[in-house]
Amino acid sequence: MDSNYVIVCGATLDLPQAIVEEYELQVIPMDVRLGEQDYKFHPNEKELTCKEFYERLRAGENAVTSQINPATFKDVFRGFLEEGKDVLYIAFSSGLSGTYNSARLVAEELLEKYPDRKIICIDSLCASIGEGYLVYLAGKLRMEGKSLEEVAEWTMENRTKVCHWFPVDDLIHLKKGGRLSGFEAAVGTALKIKPILSVDPEGKLTVVNKVRGTKKGIEYLKERLKNDAINAAEQTVIVGHADALETAEQLKSELLSEGLVKDVIIANVGPIIGTHVGGGMFALVFIGENYKF
């Protein structure tokens, strides 16, 4: 393993703590205000658990998140540089946040003061477990001994191959984010219609289809895997959920029993993403060909 560099990312990646530890990923905690209280969300959920977050969200408490600020990036990056380590930062999609640009500007400033060190910032063009999946695969390459430059090159080449598919249950949060009109949200909720969202090749969120009910949502995700994945049967994929563990377990069970994939990692979708999609969302990410919506 090349231990001369670290892989850094934000808490938007929604990977289980066990994966974070196994691949020595450096996750910057992120701010969320829930009701009148402020928290930093960590992958180990030490300040705020996903369960508590969704319970309070469903009870009507309002949630607001903040992106990582430049001062935090400076502290984190500088800490590793002073330890004699280089940094590979894999950012949340620039199509959804200014995080990547903030990190890039901080990196340029720091490299003037540490000319013998390296910071490579990559826009993942991914979100939530899609971002996490890209980071997870990059972490595996690092553990195999790949260099900073090799992992960075692989990440750039494969970021648009991460396929995101997720039915959303709570349409009110999509309405707040401007993805659905008030009328569409009301009608969809009454008819139990689930919009299917994805992240396009520019890293932007888009509604691509609609299904009625959880069962059809699961079937749709499986069809996307069958149609779009590259060697699906050899992949370990990630199934994410926003307090919808039973649905995630069902999807995992069907993927494995039907021999569609090699293995499945189940991941909680944390408060940073959950604020914008609400409870009940479930998701599947895998490596696939560029797809048309």
C-alpha atoms as a PDB file:
ATOM      1  CA  MET A   1       0.000   0.000   0.000  1.00  0.00           C
ATOM      2  CA  ASP A   2       1.183   3.526  -0.827  1.00  0.00           C
ATOM      3  CA  SER A   3       0.919   5.273   2.554  1.00  0.00           C
ATOM      4  CA  ASN A   4       2.432   8.552   1.352  1.00  0.00           C
ATOM      5  CA  TYR A   5      -0.991   9.991   0.590  1.00  0.00           C
ATOM      6  CA  VAL A   6      -4.486  10.042   2.024  1.00  0.00           C
ATOM      7  CA  ILE A   7      -7.906  10.033   0.382  1.00  0.00           C
ATOM      8  CA  VAL A   8     -10.096  12.798   1.794  1.00  0.00           C
ATOM      9  CA  CYS A   9     -13.812  13.342   1.241  1.00  0.00           C
ATOM     10  CA  GLY A  10     -16.837  14.943   2.884  1.00  0.00           C
ATOM     11  CA  ALA A  11     -19.603  13.328   4.931  1.00  0.00           C
ATOM     12  CA  THR A  12     -21.848  13.413   1.856  1.00  0.00           C
ATOM     13  CA  LEU A  13     -20.295  10.114   0.751  1.00  0.00           C
ATOM     14  CA  ASP A  14     -22.649   8.044   2.985  1.00  0.00           C
ATOM     15  CA  LEU A  15     -20.360   5.032   3.400  1.00  0.00           C
ATOM     16  CA  PRO A  16     -20.609   2.734   6.448  1.00  0.00           C
ATOM     17  CA  GLN A  17     -18.054   3.426   9.178  1.00  0.00           C
ATOM     18  CA  ALA A  18     -16.599  -0.070   8.703  1.00  0.00           C
ATOM     19  CA  ILE A  19     -15.699   0.763   5.084  1.00  0.00           C
ATOM     20  CA  VAL A  20     -14.271   4.145   6.105  1.00  0.00           C
ATOM     21  CA  GLU A  21     -11.996   2.411   8.618  1.00  0.00           C
ATOM     22  CA  GLU A  22     -11.041  -0.533   6.400  1.00  0.00           C
ATOM     23  CA  TYR A  23      -9.846   1.706   3.578  1.00  0.00           C
ATOM     24  CA  GLU A  24      -8.434   4.435   5.855  1.00  0.00           C
ATOM     25  CA  LEU A  25     -10.620   7.125   4.308  1.00  0.00           C
ATOM     26  CA  GLN A  26     -10.388  10.598   5.838  1.00  0.00           C
ATOM     27  CA  VAL A  27     -13.917  11.986   6.113  1.00  0.00           C
ATOM     28  CA  ILE A  28     -14.550  15.643   6.934  1.00  0.00           C
ATOM     29  CA  PRO A  29     -17.653  15.897   9.171  1.00  0.00           C
ATOM     30  CA  MET A  30     -20.331  18.285   7.930  1.00  0.00           C
ATOM     31  CA  ASP A  31     -22.793  20.661   9.574  1.00  0.00           C
ATOM     32  CA  VAL A  32     -26.521  20.101   9.859  1.00  0.00           C
ATOM     33  CA  ARG A  33     -29.035  22.143  11.844  1.00  0.00           C
ATOM     34  CA  LEU A  34     -32.017  20.072  12.955  1.00  0.00           C
ATOM     35  CA  GLY A  35     -34.733  22.067  14.659  1.00  0.00           C
ATOM     36  CA  GLU A  36     -32.862  24.478  16.925  1.00  0.00           C
ATOM     37  CA  GLN A  37     -29.773  22.288  17.379  1.00  0.00           C
ATOM     38  CA  ASP A  38     -26.504  22.220  15.432  1.00  0.00           C
ATOM     39  CA  TYR A  39     -24.630  18.985  14.785  1.00  0.00           C
ATOM     40  CA  LYS A  40     -21.605  17.754  12.906  1.00  0.00           C
ATOM     41  CA  PHE A  41     -22.437  14.586  11.032  1.00  0.00           C
ATOM     42  CA  HIS A  42     -19.727  11.890  11.107  1.00  0.00           C
ATOM     43  CA  PRO A  43     -19.867   8.450   9.428  1.00  0.00           C
ATOM     44  CA  ASN A  44     -19.896   6.885  12.914  1.00  0.00           C
ATOM     45  CA  GLU A  45     -22.990   8.988  13.760  1.00  0.00           C
ATOM     46  CA  LYS A  46     -21.468   9.998  17.103  1.00  0.00           C
ATOM     47  CA  GLU A  47     -23.331  13.314  17.364  1.00  0.00           C
ATOM     48  CA  LEU A  48     -26.511  12.472  15.474  1.00  0.00           C
ATOM     49  CA  THR A  49     -27.725   9.057  14.379  1.00  0.00           C
ATOM     50  CA  CYS A  50     -29.503   8.569  11.081  1.00  0.00           C
ATOM     51  CA  LYS A  51     -32.429   6.978  12.932  1.00  0.00           C
ATOM     52  CA  GLU A  52     -32.912  10.001  15.179  1.00  0.00           C
ATOM     53  CA  PHE A  53     -32.531  12.393  12.255  1.00  0.00           C
ATOM     54  CA  TYR A  54     -35.287  10.794  10.175  1.00  0.00           C
ATOM     55  CA  GLU A  55     -37.600  10.396  13.167  1.00  0.00           C
ATOM     56  CA  ARG A  56     -37.311  14.101  13.900  1.00  0.00           C
ATOM     57  CA  LEU A  57     -37.624  15.026  10.226  1.00  0.00           C
ATOM     58  CA  ARG A  58     -40.832  13.011   9.952  1.00  0.00           C
ATOM     59  CA  ALA A  59     -42.091  14.666  13.136  1.00  0.00           C
ATOM     60  CA  GLY A  60     -41.891  18.007  11.338  1.00  0.00           C
ATOM     61  CA  GLU A  61     -38.553  19.446  12.437  1.00  0.00           C
ATOM     62  CA  ASN A  62     -36.768  21.473   9.780  1.00  0.00           C
ATOM     63  CA  ALA A  63     -33.241  20.566   8.652  1.00  0.00           C
ATOM     64  CA  VAL A  64     -30.629  22.775   6.984  1.00  0.00           C
ATOM     65  CA  THR A  65     -27.141  21.785   5.835  1.00  0.00           C
ATOM     66  CA  SER A  66     -23.955  23.715   5.043  1.00  0.00           C
ATOM     67  CA  GLN A  67     -21.151  22.865   2.652  1.00  0.00           C
ATOM     68  CA  ILE A  68     -17.573  22.545   3.906  1.00  0.00           C
ATOM     69  CA  ASN A  69     -16.048  26.013   4.245  1.00  0.00           C
ATOM     70  CA  PRO A  70     -12.558  27.061   3.039  1.00  0.00           C
ATOM     71  CA  ALA A  71     -11.184  27.383   6.582  1.00  0.00           C
ATOM     72  CA  THR A  72     -12.031  23.750   7.289  1.00  0.00           C
ATOM     73  CA  PHE A  73     -10.422  22.605   4.056  1.00  0.00           C
ATOM     74  CA  LYS A  74      -7.303  24.579   4.926  1.00  0.00           C
ATOM     75  CA  ASP A  75      -7.043  23.022   8.397  1.00  0.00           C
ATOM     76  CA  VAL A  76      -7.598  19.483   7.132  1.00  0.00           C
ATOM     77  CA  PHE A  77      -5.295  19.670   4.106  1.00  0.00           C
ATOM     78  CA  ARG A  78      -2.537  21.485   5.985  1.00  0.00           C
ATOM     79  CA  GLY A  79      -2.620  18.885   8.763  1.00  0.00           C
ATOM     80  CA  PHE A  80      -1.821  16.091   6.315  1.00  0.00           C
ATOM     81  CA  LEU A  81       0.800  18.131   4.450  1.00  0.00           C
ATOM     82  CA  GLU A  82       2.609  18.829   7.717  1.00  0.00           C
ATOM     83  CA  GLU A  83       2.620  15.082   8.414  1.00  0.00           C
ATOM     84  CA  GLY A  84       4.476  14.640   5.121  1.00  0.00           C
ATOM     85  CA  LYS A  85       1.495  13.178   3.291  1.00  0.00           C
ATOM     86  CA  ASP A  86      -0.010  14.161  -0.033  1.00  0.00           C
ATOM     87  CA  VAL A  87      -3.766  14.525  -0.475  1.00  0.00           C
ATOM     88  CA  LEU A  88      -6.305  13.182  -2.948  1.00  0.00           C
ATOM     89  CA  TYR A  89      -9.578  14.992  -2.314  1.00  0.00           C
ATOM     90  CA  ILE A  90     -12.652  13.547  -4.033  1.00  0.00           C
ATOM     91  CA  ALA A  91     -15.438  16.118  -3.907  1.00  0.00           C
ATOM     92  CA  PHE A  92     -19.222  16.051  -3.943  1.00  0.00           C
ATOM     93  CA  SER A  93     -20.569  16.875  -7.408  1.00  0.00           C
ATOM     94  CA  SER A  94     -19.940  20.426  -8.626  1.00  0.00           C
ATOM     95  CA  GLY A  95     -23.344  20.188 -10.297  1.00  0.00           C
ATOM     96  CA  LEU A  96     -24.947  20.265  -6.857  1.00  0.00           C
ATOM     97  CA  SER A  97     -22.548  22.245  -4.660  1.00  0.00           C
ATOM     98  CA  GLY A  98     -19.645  24.691  -4.655  1.00  0.00           C
ATOM     99  CA  THR A  99     -17.565  22.364  -2.475  1.00  0.00           C
ATOM    100  CA  TYR A 100     -15.187  21.262  -5.223  1.00  0.00           C
ATOM    101  CA  ASN A 101     -14.307  24.815  -6.225  1.00  0.00           C
ATOM    102  CA  SER A 102     -13.687  25.834  -2.598  1.00  0.00           C
ATOM    103  CA  ALA A 103     -11.334  22.905  -2.086  1.00  0.00           C
ATOM    104  CA  ARG A 104      -9.475  23.591  -5.333  1.00  0.00           C
ATOM    105  CA  LEU A 105      -8.815  27.233  -4.399  1.00  0.00           C
ATOM    106  CA  VAL A 106      -7.570  26.239  -0.941  1.00  0.00           C
ATOM    107  CA  ALA A 107      -5.305  23.590  -2.481  1.00  0.00           C
ATOM    108  CA  GLU A 108      -3.745  26.129  -4.848  1.00  0.00           C
ATOM    109  CA  GLU A 109      -3.025  28.463  -1.926  1.00  0.00           C
ATOM    110  CA  LEU A 110      -1.496  25.742   0.243  1.00  0.00           C
ATOM    111  CA  LEU A 111       0.722  24.343  -2.495  1.00  0.00           C
ATOM    112  CA  GLU A 112       2.459  27.711  -2.723  1.00  0.00           C
ATOM    113  CA  LYS A 113       3.513  27.210   0.915  1.00  0.00           C
ATOM    114  CA  TYR A 114       4.243  23.479   0.566  1.00  0.00           C
ATOM    115  CA  PRO A 115       5.841  23.186  -2.891  1.00  0.00           C
ATOM    116  CA  ASP A 116       7.230  19.715  -2.176  1.00  0.00           C
ATOM    117  CA  ARG A 117       3.807  18.240  -1.465  1.00  0.00           C
ATOM    118  CA  LYS A 118       0.816  17.389  -3.678  1.00  0.00           C
ATOM    119  CA  ILE A 119      -2.912  18.010  -3.407  1.00  0.00           C
ATOM    120  CA  ILE A 120      -5.121  16.681  -6.183  1.00  0.00           C
ATOM    121  CA  CYS A 121      -8.781  17.720  -6.073  1.00  0.00           C
ATOM    122  CA  ILE A 122     -11.271  15.784  -8.198  1.00  0.00           C
ATOM    123  CA  ASP A 123     -14.879  16.661  -8.896  1.00  0.00           C
ATOM    124  CA  SER A 124     -16.629  13.299  -8.495  1.00  0.00           C
ATOM    125  CA  LEU A 125     -19.719  14.410 -10.440  1.00  0.00           C
ATOM    126  CA  CYS A 126     -21.448  12.054  -7.990  1.00  0.00           C
ATOM    127  CA  ALA A 127     -23.627  12.375  -4.899  1.00  0.00           C
ATOM    128  CA  SER A 128     -24.333  10.389  -1.737  1.00  0.00           C
ATOM    129  CA  ILE A 129     -23.588   6.681  -2.179  1.00  0.00           C
ATOM    130  CA  GLY A 130     -22.534   7.387  -5.769  1.00  0.00           C
ATOM    131  CA  GLU A 131     -19.766   9.588  -4.423  1.00  0.00           C
ATOM    132  CA  GLY A 132     -19.149   6.978  -1.752  1.00  0.00           C
ATOM    133  CA  TYR A 133     -18.902   4.207  -4.337  1.00  0.00           C
ATOM    134  CA  LEU A 134     -16.265   6.111  -6.309  1.00  0.00           C
ATOM    135  CA  VAL A 135     -14.299   6.803  -3.109  1.00  0.00           C
ATOM    136  CA  TYR A 136     -14.636   3.167  -2.002  1.00  0.00           C
ATOM    137  CA  LEU A 137     -13.199   1.917  -5.297  1.00  0.00           C
ATOM    138  CA  ALA A 138     -10.397   4.504  -5.142  1.00  0.00           C
ATOM    139  CA  GLY A 139      -9.639   3.372  -1.595  1.00  0.00           C
ATOM    140  CA  LYS A 140      -9.330  -0.221  -2.774  1.00  0.00           C
ATOM    141  CA  LEU A 141      -6.787   0.851  -5.391  1.00  0.00           C
ATOM    142  CA  ARG A 142      -4.782   2.744  -2.772  1.00  0.00           C
ATOM    143  CA  MET A 143      -4.736  -0.344  -0.539  1.00  0.00           C
ATOM    144  CA  GLU A 144      -3.450  -2.350  -3.504  1.00  0.00           C
ATOM    145  CA  GLY A 145      -0.459  -0.018  -3.686  1.00  0.00           C
ATOM    146  CA  LYS A 146      -1.476   2.289  -6.521  1.00  0.00           C
ATOM    147  CA  SER A 147       0.164   5.707  -6.470  1.00  0.00           C
ATOM    148  CA  LEU A 148      -1.608   9.022  -5.921  1.00  0.00           C
ATOM    149  CA  GLU A 149      -1.391   9.785  -9.630  1.00  0.00           C
ATOM    150  CA  GLU A 150      -2.652   6.337 -10.647  1.00  0.00           C
ATOM    151  CA  VAL A 151      -5.680   6.525  -8.348  1.00  0.00           C
ATOM    152  CA  ALA A 152      -6.432  10.093  -9.434  1.00  0.00           C
ATOM    153  CA  GLU A 153      -6.282   9.083 -13.102  1.00  0.00           C
ATOM    154  CA  TRP A 154      -8.571   6.087 -12.511  1.00  0.00           C
ATOM    155  CA  THR A 155     -11.054   8.260 -10.606  1.00  0.00           C
ATOM    156  CA  MET A 156     -11.193  10.837 -13.397  1.00  0.00           C
ATOM    157  CA  GLU A 157     -11.677   8.133 -16.022  1.00  0.00           C
ATOM    158  CA  ASN A 158     -14.454   6.325 -14.154  1.00  0.00           C
ATOM    159  CA  ARG A 159     -16.436   9.066 -12.398  1.00  0.00           C
ATOM    160  CA  THR A 160     -19.053   9.282 -15.153  1.00  0.00           C
ATOM    161  CA  LYS A 161     -19.448   5.487 -15.127  1.00  0.00           C
ATOM    162  CA  VAL A 162     -21.025   5.563 -11.667  1.00  0.00           C
ATOM    163  CA  CYS A 163     -24.739   5.004 -12.282  1.00  0.00           C
ATOM    164  CA  HIS A 164     -27.098   6.423  -9.639  1.00  0.00           C
ATOM    165  CA  TRP A 165     -30.745   5.334  -9.400  1.00  0.00           C
ATOM    166  CA  PHE A 166     -33.049   6.199  -6.520  1.00  0.00           C
ATOM    167  CA  PRO A 167     -36.804   6.321  -6.014  1.00  0.00           C
ATOM    168  CA  VAL A 168     -37.866   9.043  -3.578  1.00  0.00           C
ATOM    169  CA  ASP A 169     -40.690   8.492  -1.099  1.00  0.00           C
ATOM    170  CA  ASP A 170     -41.138  11.910   0.515  1.00  0.00           C
ATOM    171  CA  LEU A 171     -42.149  14.276  -2.294  1.00  0.00           C
ATOM    172  CA  ILE A 172     -42.364  17.313  -0.015  1.00  0.00           C
ATOM    173  CA  HIS A 173     -38.576  17.580   0.103  1.00  0.00           C
ATOM    174  CA  LEU A 174     -38.376  17.458  -3.706  1.00  0.00           C
ATOM    175  CA  LYS A 175     -40.961  20.245  -3.777  1.00  0.00           C
ATOM    176  CA  LYS A 176     -38.827  22.331  -1.387  1.00  0.00           C
ATOM    177  CA  GLY A 177     -35.835  21.796  -3.645  1.00  0.00           C
ATOM    178  CA  GLY A 178     -37.776  22.890  -6.724  1.00  0.00           C
ATOM    179  CA  ARG A 179     -37.743  19.444  -8.380  1.00  0.00           C
ATOM    180  CA  LEU A 180     -41.535  19.058  -8.250  1.00  0.00           C
ATOM    181  CA  SER A 181     -44.436  21.521  -8.195  1.00  0.00           C
ATOM    182  CA  GLY A 182     -46.764  21.642  -5.207  1.00  0.00           C
ATOM    183  CA  PHE A 183     -49.492  20.048  -7.315  1.00  0.00           C
ATOM    184  CA  GLU A 184     -47.216  17.221  -8.492  1.00  0.00           C
ATOM    185  CA  ALA A 185     -46.081  16.566  -4.920  1.00  0.00           C
ATOM    186  CA  ALA A 186     -49.656  16.446  -3.618  1.00  0.00           C
ATOM    187  CA  VAL A 187     -50.938  14.172  -6.400  1.00  0.00           C
ATOM    188  CA  GLY A 188     -47.859  11.946  -6.281  1.00  0.00           C
ATOM    189  CA  THR A 189     -48.160  11.497  -2.529  1.00  0.00           C
ATOM    190  CA  ALA A 190     -51.859  10.615  -2.800  1.00  0.00           C
ATOM    191  CA  LEU A 191     -51.215   8.040  -5.549  1.00  0.00           C
ATOM    192  CA  LYS A 192     -48.031   6.685  -3.921  1.00  0.00           C
ATOM    193  CA  ILE A 193     -46.048   7.667  -6.993  1.00  0.00           C
ATOM    194  CA  LYS A 194     -42.276   7.557  -6.595  1.00  0.00           C
ATOM    195  CA  PRO A 195     -40.155   9.748  -8.869  1.00  0.00           C
ATOM    196  CA  ILE A 196     -36.969   8.002  -9.998  1.00  0.00           C
ATOM    197  CA  LEU A 197     -34.002  10.343  -9.733  1.00  0.00           C
ATOM    198  CA  SER A 198     -30.503  10.048 -11.090  1.00  0.00           C
ATOM    199  CA  VAL A 199     -27.347  12.114 -11.460  1.00  0.00           C
ATOM    200  CA  ASP A 200     -26.540  13.006 -15.052  1.00  0.00           C
ATOM    201  CA  PRO A 201     -23.041  13.053 -16.620  1.00  0.00           C
ATOM    202  CA  GLU A 202     -22.664  16.711 -15.568  1.00  0.00           C
ATOM    203  CA  GLY A 203     -23.289  15.788 -11.960  1.00  0.00           C
ATOM    204  CA  LYS A 204     -26.756  17.347 -11.777  1.00  0.00           C
ATOM    205  CA  LEU A 205     -29.832  15.808 -10.182  1.00  0.00           C
ATOM    206  CA  THR A 206     -32.632  14.941 -12.570  1.00  0.00           C
ATOM    207  CA  VAL A 207     -36.037  13.219 -12.421  1.00  0.00           C
ATOM    208  CA  VAL A 208     -35.986  10.504 -15.093  1.00  0.00           C
ATOM    209  CA  ASN A 209     -39.077   8.411 -14.490  1.00  0.00           C
ATOM    210  CA  LYS A 210     -41.951   7.702 -12.110  1.00  0.00           C
ATOM    211  CA  VAL A 211     -43.243   4.441 -10.687  1.00  0.00           C
ATOM    212  CA  ARG A 212     -46.101   3.541  -8.381  1.00  0.00           C
ATOM    213  CA  GLY A 213     -45.092   1.772  -5.193  1.00  0.00           C
ATOM    214  CA  THR A 214     -41.937   0.314  -3.688  1.00  0.00           C
ATOM    215  CA  LYS A 215     -42.119  -3.023  -5.500  1.00  0.00           C
ATOM    216  CA  LYS A 216     -42.064  -1.338  -8.905  1.00  0.00           C
ATOM    217  CA  GLY A 217     -39.256   0.914  -7.709  1.00  0.00           C
ATOM    218  CA  ILE A 218     -37.153  -2.140  -6.877  1.00  0.00           C
ATOM    219  CA  GLU A 219     -37.937  -3.709 -10.257  1.00  0.00           C
ATOM    220  CA  TYR A 220     -36.952  -0.513 -12.059  1.00  0.00           C
ATOM    221  CA  LEU A 221     -33.545  -0.397 -10.314  1.00  0.00           C
ATOM    222  CA  LYS A 222     -32.876  -4.025 -11.168  1.00  0.00           C
ATOM    223  CA  GLU A 223     -33.706  -3.351 -14.822  1.00  0.00           C
ATOM    224  CA  ARG A 224     -31.302  -0.406 -14.917  1.00  0.00           C
ATOM    225  CA  LEU A 225     -28.584  -2.665 -13.517  1.00  0.00           C
ATOM    226  CA  LYS A 226     -29.296  -5.338 -16.132  1.00  0.00           C
ATOM    227  CA  ASN A 227     -29.320  -2.806 -18.955  1.00  0.00           C
ATOM    228  CA  ASP A 228     -26.472  -0.485 -17.972  1.00  0.00           C
ATOM    229  CA  ALA A 229     -23.938  -2.289 -15.761  1.00  0.00           C
ATOM    230  CA  ILE A 230     -20.521  -3.434 -16.951  1.00  0.00           C
ATOM    231  CA  ASN A 231     -20.029  -7.076 -15.863  1.00  0.00           C
ATOM    232  CA  ALA A 232     -22.658  -6.711 -13.128  1.00  0.00           C
ATOM    233  CA  ALA A 233     -22.154 -10.255 -11.844  1.00  0.00           C
ATOM    234  CA  GLU A 234     -18.571  -9.374 -10.907  1.00  0.00           C
ATOM    235  CA  GLN A 235     -19.444  -6.153  -9.082  1.00  0.00           C
ATOM    236  CA  THR A 236     -19.899  -5.329  -5.424  1.00  0.00           C
ATOM    237  CA  VAL A 237     -22.593  -2.660  -5.542  1.00  0.00           C
ATOM    238  CA  ILE A 238     -24.007  -0.305  -2.925  1.00  0.00           C
ATOM    239  CA  VAL A 239     -27.634  -0.106  -1.862  1.00  0.00           C
ATOM    240  CA  GLY A 240     -28.381   3.004   0.154  1.00  0.00           C
ATOM    241  CA  HIS A 241     -31.457   3.944   2.129  1.00  0.00           C
ATOM    242  CA  ALA A 242     -32.893   6.885   4.042  1.00  0.00           C
ATOM    243  CA  ASP A 243     -34.391   5.037   7.015  1.00  0.00           C
ATOM    244  CA  ALA A 244     -35.807   2.357   4.720  1.00  0.00           C
ATOM    245  CA  LEU A 245     -33.740  -0.631   5.814  1.00  0.00           C
ATOM    246  CA  GLU A 246     -36.425  -3.212   5.052  1.00  0.00           C
ATOM    247  CA  THR A 247     -36.619  -2.046   1.444  1.00  0.00           C
ATOM    248  CA  ALA A 248     -32.812  -1.976   1.149  1.00  0.00           C
ATOM    249  CA  GLU A 249     -32.598  -5.530   2.499  1.00  0.00           C
ATOM    250  CA  GLN A 250     -35.261  -6.647   0.015  1.00  0.00           C
ATOM    251  CA  LEU A 251     -33.351  -5.132  -2.892  1.00  0.00           C
ATOM    252  CA  LYS A 252     -30.108  -6.717  -1.667  1.00  0.00           C
ATOM    253  CA  SER A 253     -31.796 -10.109  -1.317  1.00  0.00           C
ATOM    254  CA  GLU A 254     -33.185 -10.009  -4.849  1.00  0.00           C
ATOM    255  CA  LEU A 255     -29.913  -8.847  -6.394  1.00  0.00           C
ATOM    256  CA  LEU A 256     -28.045 -11.736  -4.768  1.00  0.00           C
ATOM    257  CA  SER A 257     -30.669 -14.470  -5.139  1.00  0.00           C
ATOM    258  CA  GLU A 258     -31.040 -13.689  -8.853  1.00  0.00           C
ATOM    259  CA  GLY A 259     -27.255 -13.716  -9.312  1.00  0.00           C
ATOM    260  CA  LEU A 260     -27.214 -10.175 -10.654  1.00  0.00           C
ATOM    261  CA  VAL A 261     -24.175  -8.992  -8.643  1.00  0.00           C
ATOM    262  CA  LYS A 262     -21.262 -10.432  -6.680  1.00  0.00           C
ATOM    263  CA  ASP A 263     -22.008  -8.678  -3.381  1.00  0.00           C
ATOM    264  CA  VAL A 264     -23.999  -5.795  -1.889  1.00  0.00           C
ATOM    265  CA  ILE A 265     -23.006  -3.177   0.678  1.00  0.00           C
ATOM    266  CA  ILE A 266     -25.931  -1.560   2.490  1.00  0.00           C
ATOM    267  CA  ALA A 267     -25.348   2.060   3.539  1.00  0.00           C
ATOM    268  CA  ASN A 268     -27.333   4.630   5.498  1.00  0.00           C
ATOM    269  CA  VAL A 269     -28.020   7.857   3.646  1.00  0.00           C
ATOM    270  CA  GLY A 270     -27.073  10.443   6.260  1.00  0.00           C
ATOM    271  CA  PRO A 271     -28.584  13.793   7.232  1.00  0.00           C
ATOM    272  CA  ILE A 272     -26.564  15.863   4.743  1.00  0.00           C
ATOM    273  CA  ILE A 273     -28.307  14.160   1.818  1.00  0.00           C
ATOM    274  CA  GLY A 274     -31.409  13.155   3.771  1.00  0.00           C
ATOM    275  CA  THR A 275     -32.286  16.797   4.333  1.00  0.00           C
ATOM    276  CA  HIS A 276     -32.926  17.104   0.597  1.00  0.00           C
ATOM    277  CA  VAL A 277     -34.594  13.752  -0.181  1.00  0.00           C
ATOM    278  CA  GLY A 278     -36.453  12.941   3.042  1.00  0.00           C
ATOM    279  CA  GLY A 279     -37.067   9.549   4.616  1.00  0.00           C
ATOM    280  CA  GLY A 280     -38.013   6.443   2.648  1.00  0.00           C
ATOM    281  CA  MET A 281     -35.626   6.926  -0.273  1.00  0.00           C
ATOM    282  CA  PHE A 282     -33.632   3.902  -1.433  1.00  0.00           C
ATOM    283  CA  ALA A 283     -30.869   3.764  -4.028  1.00  0.00           C
ATOM    284  CA  LEU A 284     -28.639   1.532  -6.108  1.00  0.00           C
ATOM    285  CA  VAL A 285     -25.249   2.508  -7.533  1.00  0.00           C
ATOM    286  CA  PHE A 286     -22.961   0.518  -9.800  1.00  0.00           C
ATOM    287  CA  ILE A 287     -20.406   0.937 -12.569  1.00  0.00           C
ATOM    288  CA  GLY A 288     -21.989   1.089 -16.000  1.00  0.00           C
ATOM    289  CA  GLU A 289     -21.834   2.522 -19.468  1.00  0.00           C
ATOM    290  CA  ASN A 290     -22.854   6.116 -20.145  1.00  0.00           C
ATOM    291  CA  TYR A 291     -26.592   5.916 -20.240  1.00  0.00           C
ATOM    292  CA  LYS A 292     -29.373   7.881 -21.797  1.00  0.00           C
ATOM    293  CA  PHE A 293     -32.262   8.866 -19.582  1.00  0.00           C
END
